[in-house]
């Protein structure tokens, strides 16, 4: 029997796990693990101090920051998809 934290899928869903696999293959296990731990620490800090950030930025500022981060995430996703398609097309040759 195993215990799985309920919050894990919110921070590390299938897309996150896939990205970690791709990055560990590209950059190695140690840099990827360090980046993962730093990102989890940043998420923990932001969750702990979310009331301060909400008061500082306001609801409109948080919505704007959310749009910018979503745009960056979409750009990264498109880059990874493009690289995958190019690798697949390159592998189809003789």
PDB file of N, CA and C in Angstrom:
ATOM      1  N   UNK A   1       0.847  -1.180   0.000  1.00  0.00           N
ATOM      2  CA  UNK A   1       0.000   0.000   0.000  1.00  0.00           C
ATOM      3  C   UNK A   1       0.892   1.243   0.000  1.00  0.00           C
ATOM      4  N   UNK A   2       0.503   2.226  -0.776  1.00  0.00           N
ATOM      5  CA  UNK A   2       1.313   3.436  -0.895  1.00  0.00           C
ATOM      6  C   UNK A   2       0.462   4.665  -0.602  1.00  0.00           C
ATOM      7  N   UNK A   3       1.133   5.721  -0.246  1.00  0.00           N
ATOM      8  CA  UNK A   3       0.457   6.991   0.012  1.00  0.00           C
ATOM      9  C   UNK A   3       0.891   7.994  -1.043  1.00  0.00           C
ATOM     10  N   UNK A   4      -0.070   8.653  -1.674  1.00  0.00           N
ATOM     11  CA  UNK A   4       0.231   9.655  -2.692  1.00  0.00           C
ATOM     12  C   UNK A   4      -0.337  10.986  -2.221  1.00  0.00           C
ATOM     13  N   UNK A   5       0.508  12.016  -2.102  1.00  0.00           N
ATOM     14  CA  UNK A   5      -0.025  13.323  -1.691  1.00  0.00           C
ATOM     15  C   UNK A   5      -1.040  13.857  -2.690  1.00  0.00           C
ATOM     16  N   UNK A   6      -2.125  14.400  -2.197  1.00  0.00           N
ATOM     17  CA  UNK A   6      -3.185  14.889  -3.066  1.00  0.00           C
ATOM     18  C   UNK A   6      -2.715  16.088  -3.889  1.00  0.00           C
ATOM     19  N   UNK A   7      -1.849  16.929  -3.349  1.00  0.00           N
ATOM     20  CA  UNK A   7      -1.403  18.123  -4.049  1.00  0.00           C
ATOM     21  C   UNK A   7      -0.422  17.852  -5.169  1.00  0.00           C
ATOM     22  N   UNK A   8       0.136  16.667  -5.254  1.00  0.00           N
ATOM     23  CA  UNK A   8       1.146  16.375  -6.267  1.00  0.00           C
ATOM     24  C   UNK A   8       0.640  16.587  -7.692  1.00  0.00           C
ATOM     25  N   UNK A   9      -0.556  16.114  -8.061  1.00  0.00           N
ATOM     26  CA  UNK A   9      -0.994  16.350  -9.450  1.00  0.00           C
ATOM     27  C   UNK A   9      -1.154  17.822  -9.793  1.00  0.00           C
ATOM     28  N   UNK A  10      -1.402  18.671  -8.799  1.00  0.00           N
ATOM     29  CA  UNK A  10      -1.546  20.096  -9.079  1.00  0.00           C
ATOM     30  C   UNK A  10      -0.215  20.730  -9.449  1.00  0.00           C
ATOM     31  N   UNK A  11       0.877  20.262  -8.860  1.00  0.00           N
ATOM     32  CA  UNK A  11       2.196  20.818  -9.146  1.00  0.00           C
ATOM     33  C   UNK A  11       2.965  19.991 -10.166  1.00  0.00           C
ATOM     34  N   UNK A  12       2.702  18.721 -10.218  1.00  0.00           N
ATOM     35  CA  UNK A  12       3.466  17.834 -11.101  1.00  0.00           C
ATOM     36  C   UNK A  12       2.515  16.888 -11.828  1.00  0.00           C
ATOM     37  N   UNK A  13       1.804  17.426 -12.791  1.00  0.00           N
ATOM     38  CA  UNK A  13       0.890  16.620 -13.587  1.00  0.00           C
ATOM     39  C   UNK A  13       1.628  15.929 -14.723  1.00  0.00           C
ATOM     40  N   UNK A  14       0.896  15.318 -15.632  1.00  0.00           N
ATOM     41  CA  UNK A  14       1.516  14.584 -16.738  1.00  0.00           C
ATOM     42  C   UNK A  14       2.428  15.455 -17.607  1.00  0.00           C
ATOM     43  N   UNK A  15       2.030  16.683 -17.860  1.00  0.00           N
ATOM     44  CA  UNK A  15       2.873  17.554 -18.696  1.00  0.00           C
ATOM     45  C   UNK A  15       4.183  17.884 -17.993  1.00  0.00           C
ATOM     46  N   UNK A  16       4.116  18.114 -16.693  1.00  0.00           N
ATOM     47  CA  UNK A  16       5.329  18.404 -15.925  1.00  0.00           C
ATOM     48  C   UNK A  16       6.256  17.202 -15.912  1.00  0.00           C
ATOM     49  N   UNK A  17       5.693  16.029 -15.701  1.00  0.00           N
ATOM     50  CA  UNK A  17       6.521  14.819 -15.673  1.00  0.00           C
ATOM     51  C   UNK A  17       7.160  14.557 -17.039  1.00  0.00           C
ATOM     52  N   UNK A  18       6.415  14.790 -18.107  1.00  0.00           N
ATOM     53  CA  UNK A  18       6.973  14.618 -19.452  1.00  0.00           C
ATOM     54  C   UNK A  18       8.102  15.612 -19.696  1.00  0.00           C
ATOM     55  N   UNK A  19       7.908  16.855 -19.268  1.00  0.00           N
ATOM     56  CA  UNK A  19       8.945  17.874 -19.430  1.00  0.00           C
ATOM     57  C   UNK A  19      10.196  17.500 -18.659  1.00  0.00           C
ATOM     58  N   UNK A  20      10.023  16.972 -17.458  1.00  0.00           N
ATOM     59  CA  UNK A  20      11.177  16.549 -16.654  1.00  0.00           C
ATOM     60  C   UNK A  20      11.940  15.435 -17.359  1.00  0.00           C
ATOM     61  N   UNK A  21      11.221  14.498 -17.965  1.00  0.00           N
ATOM     62  CA  UNK A  21      11.895  13.422 -18.698  1.00  0.00           C
ATOM     63  C   UNK A  21      12.684  13.969 -19.889  1.00  0.00           C
ATOM     64  N   UNK A  22      12.091  14.896 -20.622  1.00  0.00           N
ATOM     65  CA  UNK A  22      12.773  15.483 -21.781  1.00  0.00           C
ATOM     66  C   UNK A  22      14.003  16.271 -21.331  1.00  0.00           C
ATOM     67  N   UNK A  23      13.842  17.085 -20.283  1.00  0.00           N
ATOM     68  CA  UNK A  23      14.964  17.905 -19.816  1.00  0.00           C
ATOM     69  C   UNK A  23      16.084  17.065 -19.218  1.00  0.00           C
ATOM     70  N   UNK A  24      15.734  15.984 -18.507  1.00  0.00           N
ATOM     71  CA  UNK A  24      16.791  15.141 -17.941  1.00  0.00           C
ATOM     72  C   UNK A  24      17.556  14.422 -19.045  1.00  0.00           C
ATOM     73  N   UNK A  25      16.883  14.103 -20.139  1.00  0.00           N
ATOM     74  CA  UNK A  25      17.572  13.484 -21.274  1.00  0.00           C
ATOM     75  C   UNK A  25      18.480  14.495 -21.966  1.00  0.00           C
ATOM     76  N   UNK A  26      18.025  15.752 -22.057  1.00  0.00           N
ATOM     77  CA  UNK A  26      18.770  16.787 -22.767  1.00  0.00           C
ATOM     78  C   UNK A  26      19.912  17.369 -21.932  1.00  0.00           C
ATOM     79  N   UNK A  27      19.651  17.667 -20.643  1.00  0.00           N
ATOM     80  CA  UNK A  27      20.631  18.372 -19.820  1.00  0.00           C
ATOM     81  C   UNK A  27      21.254  17.527 -18.717  1.00  0.00           C
ATOM     82  N   UNK A  28      20.729  16.360 -18.466  1.00  0.00           N
ATOM     83  CA  UNK A  28      21.263  15.508 -17.417  1.00  0.00           C
ATOM     84  C   UNK A  28      20.368  15.519 -16.183  1.00  0.00           C
ATOM     85  N   UNK A  29      20.590  14.535 -15.333  1.00  0.00           N
ATOM     86  CA  UNK A  29      19.739  14.349 -14.159  1.00  0.00           C
ATOM     87  C   UNK A  29      19.989  15.387 -13.077  1.00  0.00           C
ATOM     88  N   UNK A  30      21.250  15.719 -12.827  1.00  0.00           N
ATOM     89  CA  UNK A  30      21.575  16.645 -11.727  1.00  0.00           C
ATOM     90  C   UNK A  30      21.017  18.051 -11.976  1.00  0.00           C
ATOM     91  N   UNK A  31      21.275  18.685 -13.130  1.00  0.00           N
ATOM     92  CA  UNK A  31      20.698  20.017 -13.341  1.00  0.00           C
ATOM     93  C   UNK A  31      19.165  20.014 -13.322  1.00  0.00           C
ATOM     94  N   UNK A  32      18.562  18.958 -13.866  1.00  0.00           N
ATOM     95  CA  UNK A  32      17.109  18.875 -13.879  1.00  0.00           C
ATOM     96  C   UNK A  32      16.560  18.736 -12.469  1.00  0.00           C
ATOM     97  N   UNK A  33      17.203  17.920 -11.645  1.00  0.00           N
ATOM     98  CA  UNK A  33      16.756  17.742 -10.264  1.00  0.00           C
ATOM     99  C   UNK A  33      16.913  19.032  -9.468  1.00  0.00           C
ATOM    100  N   UNK A  34      18.033  19.711  -9.653  1.00  0.00           N
ATOM    101  CA  UNK A  34      18.243  20.983  -8.950  1.00  0.00           C
ATOM    102  C   UNK A  34      17.174  21.995  -9.366  1.00  0.00           C
ATOM    103  N   UNK A  35      16.875  22.072 -10.657  1.00  0.00           N
ATOM    104  CA  UNK A  35      15.846  22.991 -11.142  1.00  0.00           C
ATOM    105  C   UNK A  35      14.480  22.641 -10.577  1.00  0.00           C
ATOM    106  N   UNK A  36      14.169  21.354 -10.505  1.00  0.00           N
ATOM    107  CA  UNK A  36      12.887  20.918  -9.949  1.00  0.00           C
ATOM    108  C   UNK A  36      12.761  21.321  -8.486  1.00  0.00           C
ATOM    109  N   UNK A  37      13.811  21.081  -7.715  1.00  0.00           N
ATOM    110  CA  UNK A  37      13.781  21.423  -6.288  1.00  0.00           C
ATOM    111  C   UNK A  37      13.655  22.937  -6.103  1.00  0.00           C
ATOM    112  N   UNK A  38      14.395  23.719  -6.885  1.00  0.00           N
ATOM    113  CA  UNK A  38      14.290  25.178  -6.786  1.00  0.00           C
ATOM    114  C   UNK A  38      12.894  25.670  -7.145  1.00  0.00           C
ATOM    115  N   UNK A  39      12.290  25.074  -8.172  1.00  0.00           N
ATOM    116  CA  UNK A  39      10.933  25.462  -8.560  1.00  0.00           C
ATOM    117  C   UNK A  39       9.916  25.091  -7.489  1.00  0.00           C
ATOM    118  N   UNK A  40      10.080  23.930  -6.869  1.00  0.00           N
ATOM    119  CA  UNK A  40       9.174  23.544  -5.781  1.00  0.00           C
ATOM    120  C   UNK A  40       9.327  24.476  -4.585  1.00  0.00           C
ATOM    121  N   UNK A  41      10.563  24.882  -4.286  1.00  0.00           N
ATOM    122  CA  UNK A  41      10.779  25.826  -3.191  1.00  0.00           C
ATOM    123  C   UNK A  41      10.142  27.180  -3.505  1.00  0.00           C
ATOM    124  N   UNK A  42      10.260  27.632  -4.752  1.00  0.00           N
ATOM    125  CA  UNK A  42       9.633  28.884  -5.163  1.00  0.00           C
ATOM    126  C   UNK A  42       8.111  28.787  -5.057  1.00  0.00           C
ATOM    127  N   UNK A  43       7.547  27.668  -5.501  1.00  0.00           N
ATOM    128  CA  UNK A  43       6.093  27.477  -5.401  1.00  0.00           C
ATOM    129  C   UNK A  43       5.652  27.482  -3.941  1.00  0.00           C
ATOM    130  N   UNK A  44       6.407  26.805  -3.076  1.00  0.00           N
ATOM    131  CA  UNK A  44       6.074  26.791  -1.656  1.00  0.00           C
ATOM    132  C   UNK A  44       6.090  28.210  -1.088  1.00  0.00           C
ATOM    133  N   UNK A  45       7.119  28.985  -1.422  1.00  0.00           N
ATOM    134  CA  UNK A  45       7.238  30.354  -0.922  1.00  0.00           C
ATOM    135  C   UNK A  45       6.054  31.203  -1.400  1.00  0.00           C
ATOM    136  N   UNK A  46       5.721  31.073  -2.685  1.00  0.00           N
ATOM    137  CA  UNK A  46       4.612  31.856  -3.212  1.00  0.00           C
ATOM    138  C   UNK A  46       3.287  31.464  -2.571  1.00  0.00           C
ATOM    139  N   UNK A  47       3.084  30.172  -2.328  1.00  0.00           N
ATOM    140  CA  UNK A  47       1.858  29.736  -1.661  1.00  0.00           C
ATOM    141  C   UNK A  47       1.795  30.257  -0.228  1.00  0.00           C
ATOM    142  N   UNK A  48       2.922  30.258   0.459  1.00  0.00           N
ATOM    143  CA  UNK A  48       2.953  30.728   1.837  1.00  0.00           C
ATOM    144  C   UNK A  48       2.682  32.229   1.940  1.00  0.00           C
ATOM    145  N   UNK A  49       3.109  32.977   0.946  1.00  0.00           N
ATOM    146  CA  UNK A  49       2.982  34.432   0.985  1.00  0.00           C
ATOM    147  C   UNK A  49       2.009  34.958  -0.069  1.00  0.00           C
ATOM    148  N   UNK A  50       1.057  34.156  -0.449  1.00  0.00           N
ATOM    149  CA  UNK A  50       0.130  34.551  -1.517  1.00  0.00           C
ATOM    150  C   UNK A  50      -0.715  35.762  -1.137  1.00  0.00           C
ATOM    151  N   UNK A  51      -1.067  35.902   0.123  1.00  0.00           N
ATOM    152  CA  UNK A  51      -1.867  37.064   0.545  1.00  0.00           C
ATOM    153  C   UNK A  51      -1.095  38.360   0.325  1.00  0.00           C
ATOM    154  N   UNK A  52       0.196  38.336   0.607  1.00  0.00           N
ATOM    155  CA  UNK A  52       1.032  39.531   0.379  1.00  0.00           C
ATOM    156  C   UNK A  52       1.103  39.887  -1.107  1.00  0.00           C
ATOM    157  N   UNK A  53       1.292  38.862  -1.950  1.00  0.00           N
ATOM    158  CA  UNK A  53       1.384  39.121  -3.383  1.00  0.00           C
ATOM    159  C   UNK A  53       0.066  39.623  -3.938  1.00  0.00           C
ATOM    160  N   UNK A  54      -1.045  39.105  -3.434  1.00  0.00           N
ATOM    161  CA  UNK A  54      -2.353  39.572  -3.873  1.00  0.00           C
ATOM    162  C   UNK A  54      -2.557  41.026  -3.479  1.00  0.00           C
ATOM    163  N   UNK A  55      -2.158  41.370  -2.266  1.00  0.00           N
ATOM    164  CA  UNK A  55      -2.294  42.764  -1.820  1.00  0.00           C
ATOM    165  C   UNK A  55      -1.360  43.688  -2.604  1.00  0.00           C
ATOM    166  N   UNK A  56      -0.169  43.206  -2.920  1.00  0.00           N
ATOM    167  CA  UNK A  56       0.817  44.019  -3.635  1.00  0.00           C
ATOM    168  C   UNK A  56       0.413  44.255  -5.096  1.00  0.00           C
ATOM    169  N   UNK A  57       0.024  43.199  -5.781  1.00  0.00           N
ATOM    170  CA  UNK A  57      -0.287  43.296  -7.208  1.00  0.00           C
ATOM    171  C   UNK A  57      -1.744  43.638  -7.485  1.00  0.00           C
ATOM    172  N   UNK A  58      -2.615  43.274  -6.583  1.00  0.00           N
ATOM    173  CA  UNK A  58      -4.041  43.461  -6.816  1.00  0.00           C
ATOM    174  C   UNK A  58      -4.572  42.388  -7.747  1.00  0.00           C
ATOM    175  N   UNK A  59      -5.873  42.300  -7.845  1.00  0.00           N
ATOM    176  CA  UNK A  59      -6.488  41.270  -8.675  1.00  0.00           C
ATOM    177  C   UNK A  59      -6.141  41.480 -10.150  1.00  0.00           C
ATOM    178  N   UNK A  60      -6.159  42.732 -10.605  1.00  0.00           N
ATOM    179  CA  UNK A  60      -5.812  43.013 -12.004  1.00  0.00           C
ATOM    180  C   UNK A  60      -4.373  42.667 -12.329  1.00  0.00           C
ATOM    181  N   UNK A  61      -3.458  42.966 -11.407  1.00  0.00           N
ATOM    182  CA  UNK A  61      -2.051  42.624 -11.604  1.00  0.00           C
ATOM    183  C   UNK A  61      -1.826  41.131 -11.659  1.00  0.00           C
ATOM    184  N   UNK A  62      -2.547  40.397 -10.827  1.00  0.00           N
ATOM    185  CA  UNK A  62      -2.430  38.934 -10.844  1.00  0.00           C
ATOM    186  C   UNK A  62      -2.969  38.357 -12.152  1.00  0.00           C
ATOM    187  N   UNK A  63      -4.058  38.933 -12.653  1.00  0.00           N
ATOM    188  CA  UNK A  63      -4.596  38.462 -13.934  1.00  0.00           C
ATOM    189  C   UNK A  63      -3.615  38.741 -15.066  1.00  0.00           C
ATOM    190  N   UNK A  64      -2.984  39.912 -15.041  1.00  0.00           N
ATOM    191  CA  UNK A  64      -2.002  40.255 -16.076  1.00  0.00           C
ATOM    192  C   UNK A  64      -0.793  39.326 -16.009  1.00  0.00           C
ATOM    193  N   UNK A  65      -0.294  39.072 -14.796  1.00  0.00           N
ATOM    194  CA  UNK A  65       0.842  38.160 -14.632  1.00  0.00           C
ATOM    195  C   UNK A  65       0.477  36.753 -15.100  1.00  0.00           C
ATOM    196  N   UNK A  66      -0.749  36.347 -14.834  1.00  0.00           N
ATOM    197  CA  UNK A  66      -1.213  35.038 -15.284  1.00  0.00           C
ATOM    198  C   UNK A  66      -1.215  34.935 -16.801  1.00  0.00           C
ATOM    199  N   UNK A  67      -1.639  35.997 -17.472  1.00  0.00           N
ATOM    200  CA  UNK A  67      -1.645  36.002 -18.945  1.00  0.00           C
ATOM    201  C   UNK A  67      -0.227  35.913 -19.506  1.00  0.00           C
ATOM    202  N   UNK A  68       0.706  36.634 -18.897  1.00  0.00           N
ATOM    203  CA  UNK A  68       2.096  36.617 -19.369  1.00  0.00           C
ATOM    204  C   UNK A  68       2.706  35.224 -19.178  1.00  0.00           C
ATOM    205  N   UNK A  69       2.490  34.630 -18.023  1.00  0.00           N
ATOM    206  CA  UNK A  69       3.031  33.297 -17.752  1.00  0.00           C
ATOM    207  C   UNK A  69       2.398  32.265 -18.683  1.00  0.00           C
ATOM    208  N   UNK A  70       1.095  32.396 -18.954  1.00  0.00           N
ATOM    209  CA  UNK A  70       0.432  31.478 -19.883  1.00  0.00           C
ATOM    210  C   UNK A  70       1.021  31.600 -21.281  1.00  0.00           C
ATOM    211  N   UNK A  71       1.326  32.816 -21.702  1.00  0.00           N
ATOM    212  CA  UNK A  71       1.937  33.032 -23.014  1.00  0.00           C
ATOM    213  C   UNK A  71       3.321  32.386 -23.090  1.00  0.00           C
ATOM    214  N   UNK A  72       4.122  32.546 -22.035  1.00  0.00           N
ATOM    215  CA  UNK A  72       5.443  31.915 -21.999  1.00  0.00           C
ATOM    216  C   UNK A  72       5.332  30.393 -22.029  1.00  0.00           C
ATOM    217  N   UNK A  73       4.384  29.844 -21.285  1.00  0.00           N
ATOM    218  CA  UNK A  73       4.187  28.395 -21.262  1.00  0.00           C
ATOM    219  C   UNK A  73       3.775  27.881 -22.641  1.00  0.00           C
ATOM    220  N   UNK A  74       2.902  28.619 -23.315  1.00  0.00           N
ATOM    221  CA  UNK A  74       2.492  28.223 -24.665  1.00  0.00           C
ATOM    222  C   UNK A  74       3.673  28.266 -25.634  1.00  0.00           C
ATOM    223  N   UNK A  75       4.539  29.270 -25.491  1.00  0.00           N
ATOM    224  CA  UNK A  75       5.714  29.365 -26.367  1.00  0.00           C
ATOM    225  C   UNK A  75       6.659  28.184 -26.148  1.00  0.00           C
ATOM    226  N   UNK A  76       6.856  27.804 -24.899  1.00  0.00           N
ATOM    227  CA  UNK A  76       7.713  26.648 -24.604  1.00  0.00           C
ATOM    228  C   UNK A  76       7.098  25.380 -25.173  1.00  0.00           C
ATOM    229  N   UNK A  77       5.786  25.225 -25.033  1.00  0.00           N
ATOM    230  CA  UNK A  77       5.115  24.035 -25.558  1.00  0.00           C
ATOM    231  C   UNK A  77       5.246  23.959 -27.081  1.00  0.00           C
ATOM    232  N   UNK A  78       5.063  25.077 -27.754  1.00  0.00           N
ATOM    233  CA  UNK A  78       5.183  25.091 -29.214  1.00  0.00           C
ATOM    234  C   UNK A  78       6.605  24.753 -29.639  1.00  0.00           C
ATOM    235  N   UNK A  79       7.589  25.251 -28.904  1.00  0.00           N
ATOM    236  CA  UNK A  79       8.991  24.943 -29.214  1.00  0.00           C
ATOM    237  C   UNK A  79       9.252  23.446 -29.097  1.00  0.00           C
ATOM    238  N   UNK A  80       8.756  22.821 -28.025  1.00  0.00           N
ATOM    239  CA  UNK A  80       8.967  21.387 -27.836  1.00  0.00           C
ATOM    240  C   UNK A  80       8.248  20.573 -28.908  1.00  0.00           C
ATOM    241  N   UNK A  81       7.042  20.979 -29.269  1.00  0.00           N
ATOM    242  CA  UNK A  81       6.300  20.272 -30.320  1.00  0.00           C
ATOM    243  C   UNK A  81       7.033  20.405 -31.651  1.00  0.00           C
ATOM    244  N   UNK A  82       7.506  21.606 -31.955  1.00  0.00           N
ATOM    245  CA  UNK A  82       8.237  21.838 -33.208  1.00  0.00           C
ATOM    246  C   UNK A  82       9.488  20.964 -33.279  1.00  0.00           C
ATOM    247  N   UNK A  83      10.240  20.920 -32.180  1.00  0.00           N
ATOM    248  CA  UNK A  83      11.449  20.093 -32.161  1.00  0.00           C
ATOM    249  C   UNK A  83      11.107  18.618 -32.345  1.00  0.00           C
ATOM    250  N   UNK A  84      10.010  18.172 -31.741  1.00  0.00           N
ATOM    251  CA  UNK A  84       9.601  16.778 -31.891  1.00  0.00           C
ATOM    252  C   UNK A  84       9.195  16.444 -33.306  1.00  0.00           C
ATOM    253  N   UNK A  85       8.441  17.333 -33.955  1.00  0.00           N
ATOM    254  CA  UNK A  85       8.010  17.103 -35.332  1.00  0.00           C
ATOM    255  C   UNK A  85       9.223  17.093 -36.262  1.00  0.00           C
ATOM    256  N   UNK A  86      10.149  18.019 -36.072  1.00  0.00           N
ATOM    257  CA  UNK A  86      11.362  18.052 -36.906  1.00  0.00           C
ATOM    258  C   UNK A  86      12.175  16.779 -36.714  1.00  0.00           C
ATOM    259  N   UNK A  87      12.273  16.283 -35.482  1.00  0.00           N
ATOM    260  CA  UNK A  87      13.015  15.049 -35.223  1.00  0.00           C
ATOM    261  C   UNK A  87      12.316  13.863 -35.895  1.00  0.00           C
ATOM    262  N   UNK A  88      10.978  13.849 -35.872  1.00  0.00           N
ATOM    263  CA  UNK A  88      10.241  12.754 -36.522  1.00  0.00           C
ATOM    264  C   UNK A  88      10.411  12.794 -38.032  1.00  0.00           C
ATOM    265  N   UNK A  89      10.349  13.992 -38.610  1.00  0.00           N
ATOM    266  CA  UNK A  89      10.506  14.115 -40.062  1.00  0.00           C
ATOM    267  C   UNK A  89      11.929  13.742 -40.461  1.00  0.00           C
ATOM    268  N   UNK A  90      12.903  14.152 -39.667  1.00  0.00           N
ATOM    269  CA  UNK A  90      14.296  13.813 -39.959  1.00  0.00           C
ATOM    270  C   UNK A  90      14.557  12.317 -39.871  1.00  0.00           C
ATOM    271  N   UNK A  91      13.810  11.624 -39.030  1.00  0.00           N
ATOM    272  CA  UNK A  91      13.989  10.182 -38.877  1.00  0.00           C
ATOM    273  C   UNK A  91      13.310   9.373 -39.962  1.00  0.00           C
ATOM    274  N   UNK A  92      12.494  10.001 -40.805  1.00  0.00           N
ATOM    275  CA  UNK A  92      11.767   9.282 -41.840  1.00  0.00           C
ATOM    276  C   UNK A  92      12.574   9.083 -43.104  1.00  0.00           C
ATOM    277  N   UNK A  93      13.692   9.778 -43.223  1.00  0.00           N
ATOM    278  CA  UNK A  93      14.489   9.695 -44.440  1.00  0.00           C
ATOM    279  C   UNK A  93      15.176   8.338 -44.584  1.00  0.00           C
ATOM    280  N   UNK A  94      15.864   8.143 -45.735  1.00  0.00           N
ATOM    281  CA  UNK A  94      16.523   6.849 -45.992  1.00  0.00           C
ATOM    282  C   UNK A  94      17.672   6.580 -45.115  1.00  0.00           C
TER     283      UNK A  94
END
